[in-house]
All heavy atoms as atom14 arrays in JSON, in Angstrom:
{
  "sequence": "EFTPMCTYEGENTVMMLQTARYLVKSYRQVKDGQQLSGIVSYLNEA",
  "atom14_mask": [
    [1, 1, 1, 1, 1, 1, 1, 1, 1, 0, 0, 0, 0, 0],
    [1, 1, 1, 1, 1, 1, 1, 1, 1, 1, 1, 0, 0, 0],
    [1, 1, 1, 1, 1, 1, 1, 0, 0, 0, 0, 0, 0, 0],
    [1, 1, 1, 1, 1, 1, 1, 0, 0, 0, 0, 0, 0, 0],
    [1, 1, 1, 1, 1, 1, 1, 1, 0, 0, 0, 0, 0, 0],
    [1, 1, 1, 1, 1, 1, 0, 0, 0, 0, 0, 0, 0, 0],
    [1, 1, 1, 1, 1, 1, 1, 0, 0, 0, 0, 0, 0, 0],
    [1, 1, 1, 1, 1, 1, 1, 1, 1, 1, 1, 1, 0, 0],
    [1, 1, 1, 1, 1, 1, 1, 1, 1, 0, 0, 0, 0, 0],
    [1, 1, 1, 1, 0, 0, 0, 0, 0, 0, 0, 0, 0, 0],
    [1, 1, 1, 1, 1, 1, 1, 1, 1, 0, 0, 0, 0, 0],
    [1, 1, 1, 1, 1, 1, 1, 1, 0, 0, 0, 0, 0, 0],
    [1, 1, 1, 1, 1, 1, 1, 0, 0, 0, 0, 0, 0, 0],
    [1, 1, 1, 1, 1, 1, 1, 0, 0, 0, 0, 0, 0, 0],
    [1, 1, 1, 1, 1, 1, 1, 1, 0, 0, 0, 0, 0, 0],
    [1, 1, 1, 1, 1, 1, 1, 1, 0, 0, 0, 0, 0, 0],
    [1, 1, 1, 1, 1, 1, 1, 1, 0, 0, 0, 0, 0, 0],
    [1, 1, 1, 1, 1, 1, 1, 1, 1, 0, 0, 0, 0, 0],
    [1, 1, 1, 1, 1, 1, 1, 0, 0, 0, 0, 0, 0, 0],
    [1, 1, 1, 1, 1, 0, 0, 0, 0, 0, 0, 0, 0, 0],
    [1, 1, 1, 1, 1, 1, 1, 1, 1, 1, 1, 0, 0, 0],
    [1, 1, 1, 1, 1, 1, 1, 1, 1, 1, 1, 1, 0, 0],
    [1, 1, 1, 1, 1, 1, 1, 1, 0, 0, 0, 0, 0, 0],
    [1, 1, 1, 1, 1, 1, 1, 0, 0, 0, 0, 0, 0, 0],
    [1, 1, 1, 1, 1, 1, 1, 1, 1, 0, 0, 0, 0, 0],
    [1, 1, 1, 1, 1, 1, 0, 0, 0, 0, 0, 0, 0, 0],
    [1, 1, 1, 1, 1, 1, 1, 1, 1, 1, 1, 1, 0, 0],
    [1, 1, 1, 1, 1, 1, 1, 1, 1, 1, 1, 0, 0, 0],
    [1, 1, 1, 1, 1, 1, 1, 1, 1, 0, 0, 0, 0, 0],
    [1, 1, 1, 1, 1, 1, 1, 0, 0, 0, 0, 0, 0, 0],
    [1, 1, 1, 1, 1, 1, 1, 1, 1, 0, 0, 0, 0, 0],
    [1, 1, 1, 1, 1, 1, 1, 1, 0, 0, 0, 0, 0, 0],
    [1, 1, 1, 1, 0, 0, 0, 0, 0, 0, 0, 0, 0, 0],
    [1, 1, 1, 1, 1, 1, 1, 1, 1, 0, 0, 0, 0, 0],
    [1, 1, 1, 1, 1, 1, 1, 1, 1, 0, 0, 0, 0, 0],
    [1, 1, 1, 1, 1, 1, 1, 1, 0, 0, 0, 0, 0, 0],
    [1, 1, 1, 1, 1, 1, 0, 0, 0, 0, 0, 0, 0, 0],
    [1, 1, 1, 1, 0, 0, 0, 0, 0, 0, 0, 0, 0, 0],
    [1, 1, 1, 1, 1, 1, 1, 1, 0, 0, 0, 0, 0, 0],
    [1, 1, 1, 1, 1, 1, 1, 0, 0, 0, 0, 0, 0, 0],
    [1, 1, 1, 1, 1, 1, 0, 0, 0, 0, 0, 0, 0, 0],
    [1, 1, 1, 1, 1, 1, 1, 1, 1, 1, 1, 1, 0, 0],
    [1, 1, 1, 1, 1, 1, 1, 1, 0, 0, 0, 0, 0, 0],
    [1, 1, 1, 1, 1, 1, 1, 1, 0, 0, 0, 0, 0, 0],
    [1, 1, 1, 1, 1, 1, 1, 1, 1, 0, 0, 0, 0, 0],
    [1, 1, 1, 1, 1, 0, 0, 0, 0, 0, 0, 0, 0, 0]
  ],
  "atom14_positions": [
    [[-66.88, 42.0, 62.75], [-67.98, 42.21, 63.7], [-67.93, 43.62, 64.28], [-68.96, 44.23, 64.54], [-67.94, 41.2, 64.86], [-69.2, 41.33, 65.69], [-69.16, 40.64, 67.05], [-68.24, 39.88, 67.33], [-70.1, 40.89, 67.83], [0.0, 0.0, 0.0], [0.0, 0.0, 0.0], [0.0, 0.0, 0.0], [0.0, 0.0, 0.0], [0.0, 0.0, 0.0]],
    [[-66.72, 44.15, 64.44], [-66.61, 45.45, 65.11], [-66.83, 46.64, 64.17], [-67.47, 47.62, 64.54], [-65.25, 45.61, 65.79], [-65.16, 46.93, 66.51], [-65.72, 47.07, 67.77], [-64.6, 48.04, 65.92], [-65.71, 48.3, 68.42], [-64.58, 49.27, 66.55], [-65.14, 49.39, 67.81], [0.0, 0.0, 0.0], [0.0, 0.0, 0.0], [0.0, 0.0, 0.0]],
    [[-66.3, 46.57, 62.96], [-66.24, 47.77, 62.13], [-67.6, 48.39, 61.78], [-67.68, 49.6, 61.58], [-65.38, 47.51, 60.86], [-64.95, 48.75, 60.33], [-66.14, 46.71, 59.82], [0.0, 0.0, 0.0], [0.0, 0.0, 0.0], [0.0, 0.0, 0.0], [0.0, 0.0, 0.0], [0.0, 0.0, 0.0], [0.0, 0.0, 0.0], [0.0, 0.0, 0.0]],
    [[-68.73, 47.62, 61.76], [-70.02, 48.3, 61.52], [-70.36, 49.32, 62.6], [-71.2, 50.19, 62.38], [-71.04, 47.15, 61.51], [-70.25, 45.92, 61.29], [-68.89, 46.16, 61.82], [0.0, 0.0, 0.0], [0.0, 0.0, 0.0], [0.0, 0.0, 0.0], [0.0, 0.0, 0.0], [0.0, 0.0, 0.0], [0.0, 0.0, 0.0], [0.0, 0.0, 0.0]],
    [[-69.73, 49.22, 63.77], [-70.03, 50.17, 64.85], [-69.66, 51.6, 64.47], [-70.13, 52.55, 65.08], [-69.32, 49.76, 66.14], [-69.86, 48.48, 66.72], [-69.34, 48.22, 68.42], [-69.95, 46.57, 68.71], [0.0, 0.0, 0.0], [0.0, 0.0, 0.0], [0.0, 0.0, 0.0], [0.0, 0.0, 0.0], [0.0, 0.0, 0.0], [0.0, 0.0, 0.0]],
    [[-68.79, 51.74, 63.46], [-68.47, 53.1, 62.96], [-69.67, 53.72, 62.26], [-69.7, 54.92, 62.01], [-67.29, 53.04, 61.99], [-65.74, 52.54, 62.76], [0.0, 0.0, 0.0], [0.0, 0.0, 0.0], [0.0, 0.0, 0.0], [0.0, 0.0, 0.0], [0.0, 0.0, 0.0], [0.0, 0.0, 0.0], [0.0, 0.0, 0.0], [0.0, 0.0, 0.0]],
    [[-70.65, 52.89, 61.93], [-71.82, 53.37, 61.18], [-73.1, 53.31, 62.0], [-73.87, 54.26, 62.04], [-72.0, 52.53, 59.89], [-70.76, 52.49, 59.2], [-73.06, 53.14, 59.0], [0.0, 0.0, 0.0], [0.0, 0.0, 0.0], [0.0, 0.0, 0.0], [0.0, 0.0, 0.0], [0.0, 0.0, 0.0], [0.0, 0.0, 0.0], [0.0, 0.0, 0.0]],
    [[-73.35, 52.15, 62.67], [-74.66, 52.08, 63.31], [-74.72, 52.84, 64.62], [-73.72, 53.19, 65.21], [-75.2, 50.66, 63.42], [-74.46, 49.61, 64.2], [-74.22, 49.73, 65.56], [-74.07, 48.44, 63.55], [-73.6, 48.71, 66.27], [-73.44, 47.43, 64.26], [-73.21, 47.57, 65.6], [-72.6, 46.57, 66.3], [0.0, 0.0, 0.0], [0.0, 0.0, 0.0]],
    [[-75.97, 53.15, 64.99], [-76.26, 54.09, 66.09], [-75.68, 55.48, 65.79], [-75.33, 56.22, 66.68], [-75.74, 53.58, 67.44], [-76.38, 52.28, 67.88], [-77.86, 52.24, 67.63], [-78.58, 53.11, 68.13], [-78.33, 51.34, 66.92], [0.0, 0.0, 0.0], [0.0, 0.0, 0.0], [0.0, 0.0, 0.0], [0.0, 0.0, 0.0], [0.0, 0.0, 0.0]],
    [[-75.59, 55.79, 64.52], [-75.12, 57.11, 64.1], [-73.79, 57.02, 63.39], [-72.8, 56.57, 63.96], [0.0, 0.0, 0.0], [0.0, 0.0, 0.0], [0.0, 0.0, 0.0], [0.0, 0.0, 0.0], [0.0, 0.0, 0.0], [0.0, 0.0, 0.0], [0.0, 0.0, 0.0], [0.0, 0.0, 0.0], [0.0, 0.0, 0.0], [0.0, 0.0, 0.0]],
    [[-73.76, 57.41, 62.11], [-72.51, 57.44, 61.34], [-71.53, 58.39, 62.03], [-71.91, 59.46, 62.49], [-72.83, 57.88, 59.91], [-71.71, 57.68, 58.92], [-70.66, 58.77, 58.98], [-71.01, 59.94, 59.26], [-69.48, 58.46, 58.76], [0.0, 0.0, 0.0], [0.0, 0.0, 0.0], [0.0, 0.0, 0.0], [0.0, 0.0, 0.0], [0.0, 0.0, 0.0]],
    [[-70.27, 57.99, 62.1], [-69.33, 58.67, 62.99], [-69.1, 60.15, 62.7], [-68.98, 60.95, 63.63], [-67.98, 57.93, 62.98], [-67.98, 56.75, 63.92], [-68.96, 56.5, 64.63], [-66.89, 56.01, 63.96], [0.0, 0.0, 0.0], [0.0, 0.0, 0.0], [0.0, 0.0, 0.0], [0.0, 0.0, 0.0], [0.0, 0.0, 0.0], [0.0, 0.0, 0.0]],
    [[-69.02, 60.52, 61.43], [-68.82, 61.94, 61.12], [-70.0, 62.76, 61.63], [-69.83, 63.84, 62.21], [-68.63, 62.15, 59.61], [-67.5, 61.39, 59.18], [-68.39, 63.62, 59.27], [0.0, 0.0, 0.0], [0.0, 0.0, 0.0], [0.0, 0.0, 0.0], [0.0, 0.0, 0.0], [0.0, 0.0, 0.0], [0.0, 0.0, 0.0], [0.0, 0.0, 0.0]],
    [[-71.2, 62.23, 61.43], [-72.4, 62.93, 61.9], [-72.41, 62.99, 63.43], [-72.8, 64.0, 64.03], [-73.68, 62.24, 61.37], [-74.93, 62.93, 61.89], [-73.68, 62.23, 59.84], [0.0, 0.0, 0.0], [0.0, 0.0, 0.0], [0.0, 0.0, 0.0], [0.0, 0.0, 0.0], [0.0, 0.0, 0.0], [0.0, 0.0, 0.0], [0.0, 0.0, 0.0]],
    [[-71.95, 61.91, 64.08], [-71.86, 61.91, 65.55], [-70.91, 63.0, 66.03], [-71.2, 63.72, 66.99], [-71.36, 60.56, 66.05], [-72.32, 59.4, 65.84], [-73.88, 59.58, 66.75], [-74.88, 60.4, 65.51], [0.0, 0.0, 0.0], [0.0, 0.0, 0.0], [0.0, 0.0, 0.0], [0.0, 0.0, 0.0], [0.0, 0.0, 0.0], [0.0, 0.0, 0.0]],
    [[-69.76, 63.13, 65.37], [-68.8, 64.17, 65.73], [-69.41, 65.56, 65.55], [-69.18, 66.47, 66.37], [-67.53, 64.04, 64.9], [-66.61, 62.93, 65.36], [-65.98, 63.23, 67.04], [-64.6, 62.11, 67.09], [0.0, 0.0, 0.0], [0.0, 0.0, 0.0], [0.0, 0.0, 0.0], [0.0, 0.0, 0.0], [0.0, 0.0, 0.0], [0.0, 0.0, 0.0]],
    [[-70.2, 65.74, 64.51], [-70.84, 67.04, 64.27], [-71.92, 67.32, 65.32], [-72.14, 68.47, 65.69], [-71.42, 67.1, 62.85], [-70.36, 67.18, 61.74], [-71.0, 66.97, 60.37], [-69.64, 68.53, 61.78], [0.0, 0.0, 0.0], [0.0, 0.0, 0.0], [0.0, 0.0, 0.0], [0.0, 0.0, 0.0], [0.0, 0.0, 0.0], [0.0, 0.0, 0.0]],
    [[-72.58, 66.27, 65.81], [-73.56, 66.48, 66.9], [-72.85, 66.96, 68.17], [-73.31, 67.87, 68.85], [-74.32, 65.18, 67.19], [-75.37, 64.85, 66.15], [-76.24, 63.67, 66.55], [-76.21, 63.22, 67.69], [-77.01, 63.16, 65.6], [0.0, 0.0, 0.0], [0.0, 0.0, 0.0], [0.0, 0.0, 0.0], [0.0, 0.0, 0.0], [0.0, 0.0, 0.0]],
    [[-71.71, 66.33, 68.47], [-70.93, 66.77, 69.62], [-70.45, 68.21, 69.41], [-70.47, 69.03, 70.34], [-69.73, 65.83, 69.84], [-70.23, 64.5, 70.05], [-68.9, 66.24, 71.03], [0.0, 0.0, 0.0], [0.0, 0.0, 0.0], [0.0, 0.0, 0.0], [0.0, 0.0, 0.0], [0.0, 0.0, 0.0], [0.0, 0.0, 0.0], [0.0, 0.0, 0.0]],
    [[-70.03, 68.51, 68.18], [-69.56, 69.87, 67.87], [-70.65, 70.9, 68.1], [-70.39, 72.01, 68.58], [-69.07, 69.93, 66.42], [0.0, 0.0, 0.0], [0.0, 0.0, 0.0], [0.0, 0.0, 0.0], [0.0, 0.0, 0.0], [0.0, 0.0, 0.0], [0.0, 0.0, 0.0], [0.0, 0.0, 0.0], [0.0, 0.0, 0.0], [0.0, 0.0, 0.0]],
    [[-71.89, 70.54, 67.77], [-73.0, 71.48, 67.97], [-73.12, 71.85, 69.46], [-73.33, 73.01, 69.81], [-74.3, 70.85, 67.47], [-75.41, 71.84, 67.17], [-76.58, 71.15, 66.48], [-76.29, 70.74, 65.14], [-76.33, 71.55, 64.07], [-76.61, 72.83, 64.22], [-76.06, 71.08, 62.87], [0.0, 0.0, 0.0], [0.0, 0.0, 0.0], [0.0, 0.0, 0.0]],
    [[-72.94, 70.86, 70.31], [-73.0, 71.1, 71.75], [-71.81, 71.95, 72.21], [-71.95, 72.86, 73.04], [-73.01, 69.76, 72.49], [-73.05, 69.87, 73.99], [-74.19, 70.31, 74.65], [-71.93, 69.55, 74.76], [-74.23, 70.4, 76.04], [-71.96, 69.64, 76.14], [-73.12, 70.07, 76.77], [-73.14, 70.17, 78.14], [0.0, 0.0, 0.0], [0.0, 0.0, 0.0]],
    [[-70.63, 71.67, 71.65], [-69.43, 72.42, 72.03], [-69.53, 73.88, 71.61], [-69.17, 74.79, 72.37], [-68.18, 71.77, 71.4], [-67.8, 70.38, 71.91], [-66.69, 69.78, 71.06], [-67.38, 70.43, 73.37], [0.0, 0.0, 0.0], [0.0, 0.0, 0.0], [0.0, 0.0, 0.0], [0.0, 0.0, 0.0], [0.0, 0.0, 0.0], [0.0, 0.0, 0.0]],
    [[-70.01, 74.12, 70.39], [-70.16, 75.5, 69.9], [-71.19, 76.25, 70.75], [-70.98, 77.41, 71.14], [-70.56, 75.51, 68.4], [-71.0, 76.9, 67.95], [-69.41, 75.0, 67.55], [0.0, 0.0, 0.0], [0.0, 0.0, 0.0], [0.0, 0.0, 0.0], [0.0, 0.0, 0.0], [0.0, 0.0, 0.0], [0.0, 0.0, 0.0], [0.0, 0.0, 0.0]],
    [[-72.29, 75.57, 71.04], [-73.32, 76.19, 71.89], [-72.74, 76.53, 73.26], [-72.98, 77.62, 73.8], [-74.51, 75.22, 72.03], [-75.68, 75.78, 72.83], [-76.79, 74.75, 72.93], [-77.93, 75.25, 73.82], [-78.97, 74.21, 74.0], [0.0, 0.0, 0.0], [0.0, 0.0, 0.0], [0.0, 0.0, 0.0], [0.0, 0.0, 0.0], [0.0, 0.0, 0.0]],
    [[-71.97, 75.6, 73.83], [-71.36, 75.83, 75.14], [-70.37, 76.99, 75.09], [-70.34, 77.84, 75.99], [-70.63, 74.55, 75.61], [-71.53, 73.48, 75.73], [0.0, 0.0, 0.0], [0.0, 0.0, 0.0], [0.0, 0.0, 0.0], [0.0, 0.0, 0.0], [0.0, 0.0, 0.0], [0.0, 0.0, 0.0], [0.0, 0.0, 0.0], [0.0, 0.0, 0.0]],
    [[-69.57, 77.04, 74.03], [-68.59, 78.12, 73.88], [-69.3, 79.48, 73.81], [-68.87, 80.46, 74.44], [-67.75, 77.9, 72.62], [-66.76, 79.01, 72.36], [-65.54, 79.05, 73.03], [-67.05, 80.03, 71.44], [-64.64, 80.08, 72.8], [-66.16, 81.05, 71.21], [-64.95, 81.07, 71.89], [-64.06, 82.1, 71.67], [0.0, 0.0, 0.0], [0.0, 0.0, 0.0]],
    [[-70.4, 79.52, 73.07], [-71.15, 80.79, 72.94], [-71.79, 81.18, 74.27], [-71.91, 82.38, 74.57], [-72.21, 80.66, 71.84], [-71.59, 80.68, 70.44], [-72.61, 80.39, 69.35], [-72.02, 80.55, 68.02], [-72.55, 80.08, 66.91], [-73.69, 79.38, 66.96], [-71.96, 80.27, 65.75], [0.0, 0.0, 0.0], [0.0, 0.0, 0.0], [0.0, 0.0, 0.0]],
    [[-72.19, 80.19, 75.06], [-72.73, 80.51, 76.39], [-71.67, 81.18, 77.27], [-71.96, 82.12, 78.0], [-73.24, 79.22, 77.07], [-74.54, 78.7, 76.48], [-74.94, 77.34, 77.04], [-74.09, 76.56, 77.49], [-76.22, 77.03, 77.01], [0.0, 0.0, 0.0], [0.0, 0.0, 0.0], [0.0, 0.0, 0.0], [0.0, 0.0, 0.0], [0.0, 0.0, 0.0]],
    [[-70.43, 80.69, 77.17], [-69.33, 81.31, 77.92], [-69.13, 82.75, 77.45], [-68.96, 83.67, 78.27], [-68.03, 80.49, 77.74], [-66.82, 81.26, 78.28], [-68.15, 79.15, 78.46], [0.0, 0.0, 0.0], [0.0, 0.0, 0.0], [0.0, 0.0, 0.0], [0.0, 0.0, 0.0], [0.0, 0.0, 0.0], [0.0, 0.0, 0.0], [0.0, 0.0, 0.0]],
    [[-69.18, 82.95, 76.14], [-69.01, 84.3, 75.57], [-70.1, 85.25, 76.08], [-69.9, 86.45, 76.19], [-69.04, 84.25, 74.04], [-67.89, 83.48, 73.41], [-66.57, 84.22, 73.49], [-66.47, 85.29, 72.42], [-65.15, 85.96, 72.44], [0.0, 0.0, 0.0], [0.0, 0.0, 0.0], [0.0, 0.0, 0.0], [0.0, 0.0, 0.0], [0.0, 0.0, 0.0]],
    [[-71.26, 84.66, 76.37], [-72.39, 85.48, 76.88], [-72.35, 85.63, 78.4], [-73.3, 86.13, 79.0], [-73.73, 84.83, 76.47], [-73.96, 84.92, 74.96], [-73.33, 85.77, 74.31], [-74.75, 84.11, 74.44], [0.0, 0.0, 0.0], [0.0, 0.0, 0.0], [0.0, 0.0, 0.0], [0.0, 0.0, 0.0], [0.0, 0.0, 0.0], [0.0, 0.0, 0.0]],
    [[-71.27, 85.14, 79.01], [-71.1, 85.37, 80.45], [-71.57, 84.25, 81.35], [-71.56, 84.39, 82.57], [0.0, 0.0, 0.0], [0.0, 0.0, 0.0], [0.0, 0.0, 0.0], [0.0, 0.0, 0.0], [0.0, 0.0, 0.0], [0.0, 0.0, 0.0], [0.0, 0.0, 0.0], [0.0, 0.0, 0.0], [0.0, 0.0, 0.0], [0.0, 0.0, 0.0]],
    [[-72.0, 83.12, 80.76], [-72.46, 82.0, 81.6], [-71.27, 81.15, 82.04], [-70.25, 81.09, 81.36], [-73.44, 81.12, 80.82], [-74.74, 81.82, 80.45], [-75.68, 80.86, 79.73], [-75.84, 79.71, 80.12], [-76.31, 81.33, 78.67], [0.0, 0.0, 0.0], [0.0, 0.0, 0.0], [0.0, 0.0, 0.0], [0.0, 0.0, 0.0], [0.0, 0.0, 0.0]],
    [[-71.42, 80.49, 83.19], [-70.41, 79.55, 83.69], [-70.88, 78.13, 83.39], [-71.99, 77.76, 83.74], [-70.21, 79.73, 85.2], [-69.3, 80.89, 85.57], [-67.83, 80.59, 85.25], [-67.28, 81.18, 84.3], [-67.22, 79.7, 85.99], [0.0, 0.0, 0.0], [0.0, 0.0, 0.0], [0.0, 0.0, 0.0], [0.0, 0.0, 0.0], [0.0, 0.0, 0.0]],
    [[-70.02, 77.35, 82.74], [-70.37, 75.98, 82.4], [-69.95, 75.03, 83.51], [-68.97, 75.28, 84.22], [-69.67, 75.56, 81.11], [-69.94, 76.39, 79.84], [-69.06, 75.91, 78.71], [-71.4, 76.3, 79.44], [0.0, 0.0, 0.0], [0.0, 0.0, 0.0], [0.0, 0.0, 0.0], [0.0, 0.0, 0.0], [0.0, 0.0, 0.0], [0.0, 0.0, 0.0]],
    [[-70.67, 73.91, 83.62], [-70.26, 72.84, 84.53], [-70.08, 71.58, 83.71], [-70.3, 71.56, 82.5], [-71.32, 72.63, 85.61], [-72.56, 72.29, 85.01], [0.0, 0.0, 0.0], [0.0, 0.0, 0.0], [0.0, 0.0, 0.0], [0.0, 0.0, 0.0], [0.0, 0.0, 0.0], [0.0, 0.0, 0.0], [0.0, 0.0, 0.0], [0.0, 0.0, 0.0]],
    [[-69.65, 70.5, 84.36], [-69.52, 69.22, 83.66], [-68.26, 69.15, 82.83], [-67.3, 69.91, 83.02], [0.0, 0.0, 0.0], [0.0, 0.0, 0.0], [0.0, 0.0, 0.0], [0.0, 0.0, 0.0], [0.0, 0.0, 0.0], [0.0, 0.0, 0.0], [0.0, 0.0, 0.0], [0.0, 0.0, 0.0], [0.0, 0.0, 0.0], [0.0, 0.0, 0.0]],
    [[-68.26, 68.25, 81.86], [-67.05, 67.92, 81.1], [-66.58, 69.06, 80.21], [-65.43, 69.11, 79.79], [-67.28, 66.61, 80.29], [-65.96, 65.86, 80.07], [-67.98, 66.89, 78.99], [-65.58, 64.93, 81.16], [0.0, 0.0, 0.0], [0.0, 0.0, 0.0], [0.0, 0.0, 0.0], [0.0, 0.0, 0.0], [0.0, 0.0, 0.0], [0.0, 0.0, 0.0]],
    [[-67.47, 70.02, 79.89], [-67.07, 71.15, 79.03], [-66.69, 72.39, 79.83], [-66.5, 73.46, 79.27], [-68.2, 71.54, 78.04], [-68.38, 70.48, 76.97], [-69.51, 71.81, 78.75], [0.0, 0.0, 0.0], [0.0, 0.0, 0.0], [0.0, 0.0, 0.0], [0.0, 0.0, 0.0], [0.0, 0.0, 0.0], [0.0, 0.0, 0.0], [0.0, 0.0, 0.0]],
    [[-66.54, 72.24, 81.14], [-66.25, 73.4, 81.98], [-64.91, 74.05, 81.61], [-64.69, 75.23, 81.92], [-66.26, 73.01, 83.46], [-65.3, 72.01, 83.7], [0.0, 0.0, 0.0], [0.0, 0.0, 0.0], [0.0, 0.0, 0.0], [0.0, 0.0, 0.0], [0.0, 0.0, 0.0], [0.0, 0.0, 0.0], [0.0, 0.0, 0.0], [0.0, 0.0, 0.0]],
    [[-64.03, 73.3, 80.93], [-62.75, 73.89, 80.53], [-62.93, 75.07, 79.57], [-62.04, 75.91, 79.44], [-61.83, 72.83, 79.9], [-62.3, 72.26, 78.58], [-61.95, 72.86, 77.37], [-63.08, 71.11, 78.53], [-62.36, 72.33, 76.16], [-63.49, 70.57, 77.33], [-63.14, 71.18, 76.14], [-63.55, 70.66, 74.94], [0.0, 0.0, 0.0], [0.0, 0.0, 0.0]],
    [[-64.09, 75.14, 78.91], [-64.33, 76.27, 77.99], [-64.52, 77.58, 78.75], [-64.45, 78.66, 78.15], [-65.54, 75.98, 77.1], [-65.37, 74.82, 76.1], [-66.68, 74.54, 75.39], [-64.27, 75.13, 75.1], [0.0, 0.0, 0.0], [0.0, 0.0, 0.0], [0.0, 0.0, 0.0], [0.0, 0.0, 0.0], [0.0, 0.0, 0.0], [0.0, 0.0, 0.0]],
    [[-64.78, 77.5, 80.06], [-64.87, 78.73, 80.86], [-63.6, 79.55, 80.77], [-63.62, 80.77, 80.89], [-65.13, 78.4, 82.35], [-66.51, 77.81, 82.56], [-67.47, 78.16, 81.86], [-66.63, 76.9, 83.52], [0.0, 0.0, 0.0], [0.0, 0.0, 0.0], [0.0, 0.0, 0.0], [0.0, 0.0, 0.0], [0.0, 0.0, 0.0], [0.0, 0.0, 0.0]],
    [[-62.47, 78.86, 80.56], [-61.18, 79.54, 80.52], [-60.92, 80.21, 79.18], [-59.98, 80.99, 79.04], [-60.06, 78.53, 80.8], [-60.2, 77.83, 82.14], [-59.34, 76.57, 82.23], [-58.28, 76.54, 81.58], [-59.74, 75.63, 82.94], [0.0, 0.0, 0.0], [0.0, 0.0, 0.0], [0.0, 0.0, 0.0], [0.0, 0.0, 0.0], [0.0, 0.0, 0.0]],
    [[-61.76, 79.89, 78.18], [-61.52, 80.41, 76.83], [-61.54, 81.94, 76.79], [-60.85, 82.57, 75.99], [-62.56, 79.85, 75.86], [0.0, 0.0, 0.0], [0.0, 0.0, 0.0], [0.0, 0.0, 0.0], [0.0, 0.0, 0.0], [0.0, 0.0, 0.0], [0.0, 0.0, 0.0], [0.0, 0.0, 0.0], [0.0, 0.0, 0.0], [0.0, 0.0, 0.0]]
  ]
}
């Protein structure tokens, strides 16, 4: 019953890549001098 959850509502590898897109965008914003808030604020220290 549980294992289909790795696929539905988004196949997991694709889900990880969607999160990565946000992380890369956030990292580039820091490089451009912006300050991040929320759960990715740790990238400000990068």
